[in-house]
Structure formats: C-alpha cells, structure tokens
PDB file of N, CA and C in Angstrom:
ATOM      1  N   UNK A   1      11.272  82.405  52.020  1.00  0.00           N
ATOM      2  CA  UNK A   1      10.015  82.712  52.657  1.00  0.00           C
ATOM      3  C   UNK A   1       9.264  83.729  51.796  1.00  0.00           C
ATOM      4  N   UNK A   2       7.976  83.515  51.598  1.00  0.00           N
ATOM      5  CA  UNK A   2       7.125  84.443  50.856  1.00  0.00           C
ATOM      6  C   UNK A   2       6.791  85.645  51.717  1.00  0.00           C
ATOM      7  N   UNK A   3       6.465  86.751  51.046  1.00  0.00           N
ATOM      8  CA  UNK A   3       6.093  87.965  51.757  1.00  0.00           C
ATOM      9  C   UNK A   3       4.796  88.512  51.164  1.00  0.00           C
ATOM     10  N   UNK A   4       3.988  89.142  52.022  1.00  0.00           N
ATOM     11  CA  UNK A   4       2.737  89.738  51.562  1.00  0.00           C
ATOM     12  C   UNK A   4       2.533  91.112  52.196  1.00  0.00           C
ATOM     13  N   UNK A   5       1.696  91.891  51.553  1.00  0.00           N
ATOM     14  CA  UNK A   5       1.260  93.193  52.063  1.00  0.00           C
ATOM     15  C   UNK A   5      -0.252  93.098  52.239  1.00  0.00           C
ATOM     16  N   UNK A   6      -0.740  93.352  53.445  1.00  0.00           N
ATOM     17  CA  UNK A   6      -2.163  93.236  53.732  1.00  0.00           C
ATOM     18  C   UNK A   6      -2.815  94.612  53.758  1.00  0.00           C
ATOM     19  N   UNK A   7      -3.948  94.737  53.032  1.00  0.00           N
ATOM     20  CA  UNK A   7      -4.742  95.966  53.065  1.00  0.00           C
ATOM     21  C   UNK A   7      -6.199  95.556  53.198  1.00  0.00           C
ATOM     22  N   UNK A   8      -6.857  96.084  54.184  1.00  0.00           N
ATOM     23  CA  UNK A   8      -8.270  95.777  54.384  1.00  0.00           C
ATOM     24  C   UNK A   8      -8.898  96.858  55.239  1.00  0.00           C
ATOM     25  N   UNK A   9     -10.210  97.045  55.061  1.00  0.00           N
ATOM     26  CA  UNK A   9     -10.913  98.005  55.902  1.00  0.00           C
ATOM     27  C   UNK A   9     -11.624  97.302  57.053  1.00  0.00           C
ATOM     28  N   UNK A  10     -11.394  96.009  57.173  1.00  0.00           N
ATOM     29  CA  UNK A  10     -12.052  95.225  58.209  1.00  0.00           C
ATOM     30  C   UNK A  10     -10.993  94.605  59.121  1.00  0.00           C
ATOM     31  N   UNK A  11     -10.967  95.031  60.375  1.00  0.00           N
ATOM     32  CA  UNK A  11      -9.960  94.543  61.328  1.00  0.00           C
ATOM     33  C   UNK A  11     -10.022  93.028  61.496  1.00  0.00           C
ATOM     34  N   UNK A  12     -11.213  92.458  61.480  1.00  0.00           N
ATOM     35  CA  UNK A  12     -11.352  91.004  61.633  1.00  0.00           C
ATOM     36  C   UNK A  12     -10.688  90.272  60.462  1.00  0.00           C
ATOM     37  N   UNK A  13     -10.823  90.826  59.254  1.00  0.00           N
ATOM     38  CA  UNK A  13     -10.176  90.219  58.089  1.00  0.00           C
ATOM     39  C   UNK A  13      -8.659  90.261  58.229  1.00  0.00           C
ATOM     40  N   UNK A  14      -8.146  91.394  58.690  1.00  0.00           N
ATOM     41  CA  UNK A  14      -6.697  91.524  58.898  1.00  0.00           C
ATOM     42  C   UNK A  14      -6.210  90.488  59.900  1.00  0.00           C
ATOM     43  N   UNK A  15      -6.922  90.345  61.003  1.00  0.00           N
ATOM     44  CA  UNK A  15      -6.528  89.376  62.030  1.00  0.00           C
ATOM     45  C   UNK A  15      -6.528  87.952  61.472  1.00  0.00           C
ATOM     46  N   UNK A  16      -7.540  87.618  60.697  1.00  0.00           N
ATOM     47  CA  UNK A  16      -7.626  86.282  60.113  1.00  0.00           C
ATOM     48  C   UNK A  16      -6.483  86.046  59.130  1.00  0.00           C
ATOM     49  N   UNK A  17      -6.226  87.043  58.270  1.00  0.00           N
ATOM     50  CA  UNK A  17      -5.150  86.897  57.294  1.00  0.00           C
ATOM     51  C   UNK A  17      -3.782  86.803  57.972  1.00  0.00           C
ATOM     52  N   UNK A  18      -3.592  87.551  59.058  1.00  0.00           N
ATOM     53  CA  UNK A  18      -2.333  87.452  59.810  1.00  0.00           C
ATOM     54  C   UNK A  18      -2.157  86.050  60.404  1.00  0.00           C
ATOM     55  N   UNK A  19      -3.239  85.482  60.904  1.00  0.00           N
ATOM     56  CA  UNK A  19      -3.171  84.126  61.461  1.00  0.00           C
ATOM     57  C   UNK A  19      -2.789  83.116  60.376  1.00  0.00           C
ATOM     58  N   UNK A  20      -3.402  83.247  59.189  1.00  0.00           N
ATOM     59  CA  UNK A  20      -3.052  82.352  58.080  1.00  0.00           C
ATOM     60  C   UNK A  20      -1.599  82.537  57.661  1.00  0.00           C
ATOM     61  N   UNK A  21      -1.158  83.793  57.614  1.00  0.00           N
ATOM     62  CA  UNK A  21       0.222  84.071  57.211  1.00  0.00           C
ATOM     63  C   UNK A  21       1.211  83.417  58.175  1.00  0.00           C
ATOM     64  N   UNK A  22       0.950  83.531  59.470  1.00  0.00           N
ATOM     65  CA  UNK A  22       1.831  82.895  60.460  1.00  0.00           C
ATOM     66  C   UNK A  22       1.830  81.380  60.286  1.00  0.00           C
ATOM     67  N   UNK A  23       0.655  80.833  60.086  1.00  0.00           N
ATOM     68  CA  UNK A  23       0.511  79.369  59.941  1.00  0.00           C
ATOM     69  C   UNK A  23       1.265  78.851  58.719  1.00  0.00           C
ATOM     70  N   UNK A  24       1.261  79.650  57.641  1.00  0.00           N
ATOM     71  CA  UNK A  24       1.915  79.242  56.398  1.00  0.00           C
ATOM     72  C   UNK A  24       3.362  79.728  56.304  1.00  0.00           C
ATOM     73  N   UNK A  25       3.859  80.332  57.390  1.00  0.00           N
ATOM     74  CA  UNK A  25       5.234  80.831  57.442  1.00  0.00           C
ATOM     75  C   UNK A  25       5.488  81.878  56.360  1.00  0.00           C
ATOM     76  N   UNK A  26       4.529  82.793  56.199  1.00  0.00           N
ATOM     77  CA  UNK A  26       4.651  83.889  55.237  1.00  0.00           C
ATOM     78  C   UNK A  26       4.965  85.158  56.013  1.00  0.00           C
ATOM     79  N   UNK A  27       6.003  85.861  55.593  1.00  0.00           N
ATOM     80  CA  UNK A  27       6.367  87.107  56.246  1.00  0.00           C
ATOM     81  C   UNK A  27       5.440  88.240  55.817  1.00  0.00           C
ATOM     82  N   UNK A  28       4.899  88.948  56.769  1.00  0.00           N
ATOM     83  CA  UNK A  28       4.040  90.085  56.481  1.00  0.00           C
ATOM     84  C   UNK A  28       4.926  91.324  56.431  1.00  0.00           C
ATOM     85  N   UNK A  29       4.992  91.944  55.259  1.00  0.00           N
ATOM     86  CA  UNK A  29       5.848  93.097  55.058  1.00  0.00           C
ATOM     87  C   UNK A  29       5.218  94.341  55.665  1.00  0.00           C
ATOM     88  N   UNK A  30       3.914  94.494  55.465  1.00  0.00           N
ATOM     89  CA  UNK A  30       3.234  95.694  55.937  1.00  0.00           C
ATOM     90  C   UNK A  30       1.747  95.410  56.095  1.00  0.00           C
ATOM     91  N   UNK A  31       1.162  95.978  57.110  1.00  0.00           N
ATOM     92  CA  UNK A  31      -0.290  95.940  57.301  1.00  0.00           C
ATOM     93  C   UNK A  31      -0.756  97.380  57.229  1.00  0.00           C
ATOM     94  N   UNK A  32      -1.482  97.707  56.170  1.00  0.00           N
ATOM     95  CA  UNK A  32      -1.887  99.088  55.933  1.00  0.00           C
ATOM     96  C   UNK A  32      -3.388  99.219  56.068  1.00  0.00           C
ATOM     97  N   UNK A  33      -3.842  99.326  57.296  1.00  0.00           N
ATOM     98  CA  UNK A  33      -5.272  99.407  57.584  1.00  0.00           C
ATOM     99  C   UNK A  33      -5.804 100.814  57.345  1.00  0.00           C
ATOM    100  N   UNK A  34      -5.017 101.830  57.662  1.00  0.00           N
ATOM    101  CA  UNK A  34      -5.487 103.215  57.560  1.00  0.00           C
ATOM    102  C   UNK A  34      -5.789 103.592  56.118  1.00  0.00           C
ATOM    103  N   UNK A  35      -4.935 103.193  55.185  1.00  0.00           N
ATOM    104  CA  UNK A  35      -5.162 103.519  53.774  1.00  0.00           C
ATOM    105  C   UNK A  35      -6.427 102.847  53.267  1.00  0.00           C
ATOM    106  N   UNK A  36      -6.638 101.611  53.664  1.00  0.00           N
ATOM    107  CA  UNK A  36      -7.839 100.899  53.253  1.00  0.00           C
ATOM    108  C   UNK A  36      -9.086 101.558  53.816  1.00  0.00           C
ATOM    109  N   UNK A  37      -9.002 102.015  55.056  1.00  0.00           N
ATOM    110  CA  UNK A  37     -10.139 102.717  55.655  1.00  0.00           C
ATOM    111  C   UNK A  37     -10.431 104.009  54.906  1.00  0.00           C
ATOM    112  N   UNK A  38      -9.379 104.715  54.494  1.00  0.00           N
ATOM    113  CA  UNK A  38      -9.548 105.945  53.728  1.00  0.00           C
ATOM    114  C   UNK A  38     -10.221 105.647  52.392  1.00  0.00           C
ATOM    115  N   UNK A  39      -9.769 104.597  51.704  1.00  0.00           N
ATOM    116  CA  UNK A  39     -10.356 104.229  50.423  1.00  0.00           C
ATOM    117  C   UNK A  39     -11.819 103.823  50.588  1.00  0.00           C
ATOM    118  N   UNK A  40     -12.126 103.096  51.646  1.00  0.00           N
ATOM    119  CA  UNK A  40     -13.508 102.695  51.900  1.00  0.00           C
ATOM    120  C   UNK A  40     -14.377 103.917  52.159  1.00  0.00           C
ATOM    121  N   UNK A  41     -13.849 104.882  52.878  1.00  0.00           N
ATOM    122  CA  UNK A  41     -14.582 106.109  53.163  1.00  0.00           C
ATOM    123  C   UNK A  41     -14.845 106.886  51.868  1.00  0.00           C
ATOM    124  N   UNK A  42     -13.831 106.981  51.006  1.00  0.00           N
ATOM    125  CA  UNK A  42     -13.999 107.658  49.722  1.00  0.00           C
ATOM    126  C   UNK A  42     -15.035 106.943  48.862  1.00  0.00           C
ATOM    127  N   UNK A  43     -15.011 105.617  48.876  1.00  0.00           N
ATOM    128  CA  UNK A  43     -15.966 104.826  48.099  1.00  0.00           C
ATOM    129  C   UNK A  43     -17.393 105.090  48.582  1.00  0.00           C
ATOM    130  N   UNK A  44     -17.584 105.116  49.893  1.00  0.00           N
ATOM    131  CA  UNK A  44     -18.919 105.387  50.442  1.00  0.00           C
ATOM    132  C   UNK A  44     -19.396 106.779  50.051  1.00  0.00           C
ATOM    133  N   UNK A  45     -18.474 107.743  50.045  1.00  0.00           N
ATOM    134  CA  UNK A  45     -18.826 109.105  49.661  1.00  0.00           C
ATOM    135  C   UNK A  45     -19.241 109.149  48.183  1.00  0.00           C
ATOM    136  N   UNK A  46     -18.530 108.429  47.342  1.00  0.00           N
ATOM    137  CA  UNK A  46     -18.872 108.392  45.916  1.00  0.00           C
ATOM    138  C   UNK A  46     -20.234 107.735  45.698  1.00  0.00           C
ATOM    139  N   UNK A  47     -20.525 106.697  46.468  1.00  0.00           N
ATOM    140  CA  UNK A  47     -21.838 106.054  46.352  1.00  0.00           C
ATOM    141  C   UNK A  47     -22.963 107.004  46.738  1.00  0.00           C
ATOM    142  N   UNK A  48     -22.737 107.821  47.766  1.00  0.00           N
ATOM    143  CA  UNK A  48     -23.739 108.810  48.171  1.00  0.00           C
ATOM    144  C   UNK A  48     -23.981 109.819  47.049  1.00  0.00           C
ATOM    145  N   UNK A  49     -22.892 110.266  46.408  1.00  0.00           N
ATOM    146  CA  UNK A  49     -23.021 111.219  45.304  1.00  0.00           C
ATOM    147  C   UNK A  49     -23.768 110.597  44.123  1.00  0.00           C
ATOM    148  N   UNK A  50     -23.505 109.319  43.859  1.00  0.00           N
ATOM    149  CA  UNK A  50     -24.218 108.635  42.784  1.00  0.00           C
ATOM    150  C   UNK A  50     -25.707 108.524  43.109  1.00  0.00           C
ATOM    151  N   UNK A  51     -26.014 108.316  44.372  1.00  0.00           N
ATOM    152  CA  UNK A  51     -27.416 108.256  44.795  1.00  0.00           C
ATOM    153  C   UNK A  51     -28.110 109.584  44.586  1.00  0.00           C
ATOM    154  N   UNK A  52     -27.403 110.686  44.838  1.00  0.00           N
ATOM    155  CA  UNK A  52     -27.970 112.011  44.610  1.00  0.00           C
ATOM    156  C   UNK A  52     -28.202 112.256  43.114  1.00  0.00           C
ATOM    157  N   UNK A  53     -27.311 111.719  42.276  1.00  0.00           N
ATOM    158  CA  UNK A  53     -27.436 111.911  40.830  1.00  0.00           C
ATOM    159  C   UNK A  53     -28.730 111.291  40.299  1.00  0.00           C
ATOM    160  N   UNK A  54     -29.214 110.250  40.962  1.00  0.00           N
ATOM    161  CA  UNK A  54     -30.437 109.589  40.520  1.00  0.00           C
ATOM    162  C   UNK A  54     -31.648 110.512  40.613  1.00  0.00           C
ATOM    163  N   UNK A  55     -31.539 111.586  41.389  1.00  0.00           N
ATOM    164  CA  UNK A  55     -32.638 112.551  41.523  1.00  0.00           C
ATOM    165  C   UNK A  55     -32.365 113.848  40.768  1.00  0.00           C
ATOM    166  N   UNK A  56     -31.216 113.954  40.126  1.00  0.00           N
ATOM    167  CA  UNK A  56     -30.832 115.178  39.425  1.00  0.00           C
ATOM    168  C   UNK A  56     -31.487 115.213  38.044  1.00  0.00           C
ATOM    169  N   UNK A  57     -32.331 116.212  37.760  1.00  0.00           N
ATOM    170  CA  UNK A  57     -33.034 116.278  36.474  1.00  0.00           C
ATOM    171  C   UNK A  57     -32.089 116.343  35.271  1.00  0.00           C
ATOM    172  N   UNK A  58     -30.972 117.052  35.387  1.00  0.00           N
ATOM    173  CA  UNK A  58     -30.026 117.143  34.282  1.00  0.00           C
ATOM    174  C   UNK A  58     -29.406 115.780  33.991  1.00  0.00           C
ATOM    175  N   UNK A  59     -29.016 115.062  35.042  1.00  0.00           N
ATOM    176  CA  UNK A  59     -28.450 113.723  34.877  1.00  0.00           C
ATOM    177  C   UNK A  59     -29.477 112.786  34.246  1.00  0.00           C
ATOM    178  N   UNK A  60     -30.708 112.840  34.733  1.00  0.00           N
ATOM    179  CA  UNK A  60     -31.759 111.968  34.201  1.00  0.00           C
ATOM    180  C   UNK A  60     -32.057 112.276  32.739  1.00  0.00           C
ATOM    181  N   UNK A  61     -32.006 113.538  32.354  1.00  0.00           N
ATOM    182  CA  UNK A  61     -32.236 113.880  30.942  1.00  0.00           C
ATOM    183  C   UNK A  61     -31.084 113.379  30.074  1.00  0.00           C
ATOM    184  N   UNK A  62     -29.851 113.433  30.597  1.00  0.00           N
ATOM    185  CA  UNK A  62     -28.702 112.895  29.858  1.00  0.00           C
ATOM    186  C   UNK A  62     -28.832 111.386  29.665  1.00  0.00           C
ATOM    187  N   UNK A  63     -29.260 110.694  30.706  1.00  0.00           N
ATOM    188  CA  UNK A  63     -29.446 109.238  30.615  1.00  0.00           C
ATOM    189  C   UNK A  63     -30.532 108.921  29.599  1.00  0.00           C
ATOM    190  N   UNK A  64     -31.632 109.675  29.626  1.00  0.00           N
ATOM    191  CA  UNK A  64     -32.721 109.455  28.670  1.00  0.00           C
ATOM    192  C   UNK A  64     -32.238 109.684  27.242  1.00  0.00           C
ATOM    193  N   UNK A  65     -31.397 110.691  27.045  1.00  0.00           N
ATOM    194  CA  UNK A  65     -30.862 110.975  25.705  1.00  0.00           C
ATOM    195  C   UNK A  65     -29.982 109.831  25.207  1.00  0.00           C
ATOM    196  N   UNK A  66     -29.130 109.311  26.085  1.00  0.00           N
ATOM    197  CA  UNK A  66     -28.271 108.178  25.701  1.00  0.00           C
ATOM    198  C   UNK A  66     -29.121 106.952  25.394  1.00  0.00           C
ATOM    199  N   UNK A  67     -30.125 106.681  26.221  1.00  0.00           N
ATOM    200  CA  UNK A  67     -31.011 105.545  25.960  1.00  0.00           C
ATOM    201  C   UNK A  67     -31.720 105.707  24.622  1.00  0.00           C
ATOM    202  N   UNK A  68     -32.118 106.926  24.310  1.00  0.00           N
ATOM    203  CA  UNK A  68     -32.785 107.204  23.048  1.00  0.00           C
ATOM    204  C   UNK A  68     -31.846 106.952  21.865  1.00  0.00           C
ATOM    205  N   UNK A  69     -30.553 107.300  22.034  1.00  0.00           N
ATOM    206  CA  UNK A  69     -29.563 107.079  20.975  1.00  0.00           C
ATOM    207  C   UNK A  69     -29.436 105.598  20.625  1.00  0.00           C
ATOM    208  N   UNK A  70     -29.611 104.732  21.604  1.00  0.00           N
ATOM    209  CA  UNK A  70     -29.431 103.298  21.389  1.00  0.00           C
ATOM    210  C   UNK A  70     -30.754 102.541  21.281  1.00  0.00           C
ATOM    211  N   UNK A  71     -31.828 103.272  21.163  1.00  0.00           N
ATOM    212  CA  UNK A  71     -33.154 102.670  21.143  1.00  0.00           C
ATOM    213  C   UNK A  71     -33.303 101.630  20.038  1.00  0.00           C
ATOM    214  N   UNK A  72     -32.766 101.924  18.860  1.00  0.00           N
ATOM    215  CA  UNK A  72     -32.961 101.042  17.711  1.00  0.00           C
ATOM    216  C   UNK A  72     -31.726 100.211  17.383  1.00  0.00           C
ATOM    217  N   UNK A  73     -30.759 100.195  18.276  1.00  0.00           N
ATOM    218  CA  UNK A  73     -29.559  99.388  18.043  1.00  0.00           C
ATOM    219  C   UNK A  73     -29.910  97.909  18.115  1.00  0.00           C
ATOM    220  N   UNK A  74     -29.331  97.145  17.205  1.00  0.00           N
ATOM    221  CA  UNK A  74     -29.553  95.707  17.186  1.00  0.00           C
ATOM    222  C   UNK A  74     -28.824  95.049  18.352  1.00  0.00           C
ATOM    223  N   UNK A  75     -29.405  94.045  18.931  1.00  0.00           N
ATOM    224  CA  UNK A  75     -28.794  93.370  20.085  1.00  0.00           C
ATOM    225  C   UNK A  75     -27.467  92.707  19.745  1.00  0.00           C
ATOM    226  N   UNK A  76     -27.285  92.320  18.474  1.00  0.00           N
ATOM    227  CA  UNK A  76     -26.049  91.666  18.060  1.00  0.00           C
ATOM    228  C   UNK A  76     -24.946  92.668  17.743  1.00  0.00           C
ATOM    229  N   UNK A  77     -25.271  93.925  17.788  1.00  0.00           N
ATOM    230  CA  UNK A  77     -24.274  94.945  17.489  1.00  0.00           C
ATOM    231  C   UNK A  77     -24.334  95.412  16.058  1.00  0.00           C
ATOM    232  N   UNK A  78     -25.156  94.804  15.222  1.00  0.00           N
ATOM    233  CA  UNK A  78     -25.306  95.229  13.840  1.00  0.00           C
ATOM    234  C   UNK A  78     -26.392  96.296  13.760  1.00  0.00           C
ATOM    235  N   UNK A  79     -26.104  97.390  13.076  1.00  0.00           N
ATOM    236  CA  UNK A  79     -27.092  98.459  12.952  1.00  0.00           C
ATOM    237  C   UNK A  79     -27.970  98.251  11.750  1.00  0.00           C
TER     238      UNK A  79
END
C-alpha cells in the first residue's frame, strides 16, 4: 500500500485529497494542516513587506541603479 503526507492551507483541499486517498487505497501517514497554515501566513506577511518596499525610496534607487547597470546589455547575453 502506498503512503502519503498531506499538507495544505485549505481544508477543502485536504478533504478532497483524503477522499481520493481512500478511494485509491492509499494510506495517509499524516495530515499537517497547522504547518501549512503557518507557512501561508508567513508568505502573506512577506508579500505585505514586498508591497511596502515598492514605496521605499532607498529600494527604488537600488532598483534604478541595477536597471542602469544593464541598460546597454545585449539581449543575447553578448556585451
């Protein structure tokens, strides 16, 4: 019998995957919903921080400097 470990931040997805696992006679070793929820929460927090960076003058000047460095780079990679 095959075994799987399910991780998801969506309870409906977990329920669906459990139904498929039962139907296919696959043993579910562990369902780790809490860890997935934690990871999803961390991801959302990182996205918020990235959104704030878009308004940060220091970040924007760094991006402009990098863009300037590659301004004359050839599209094929040849300088």
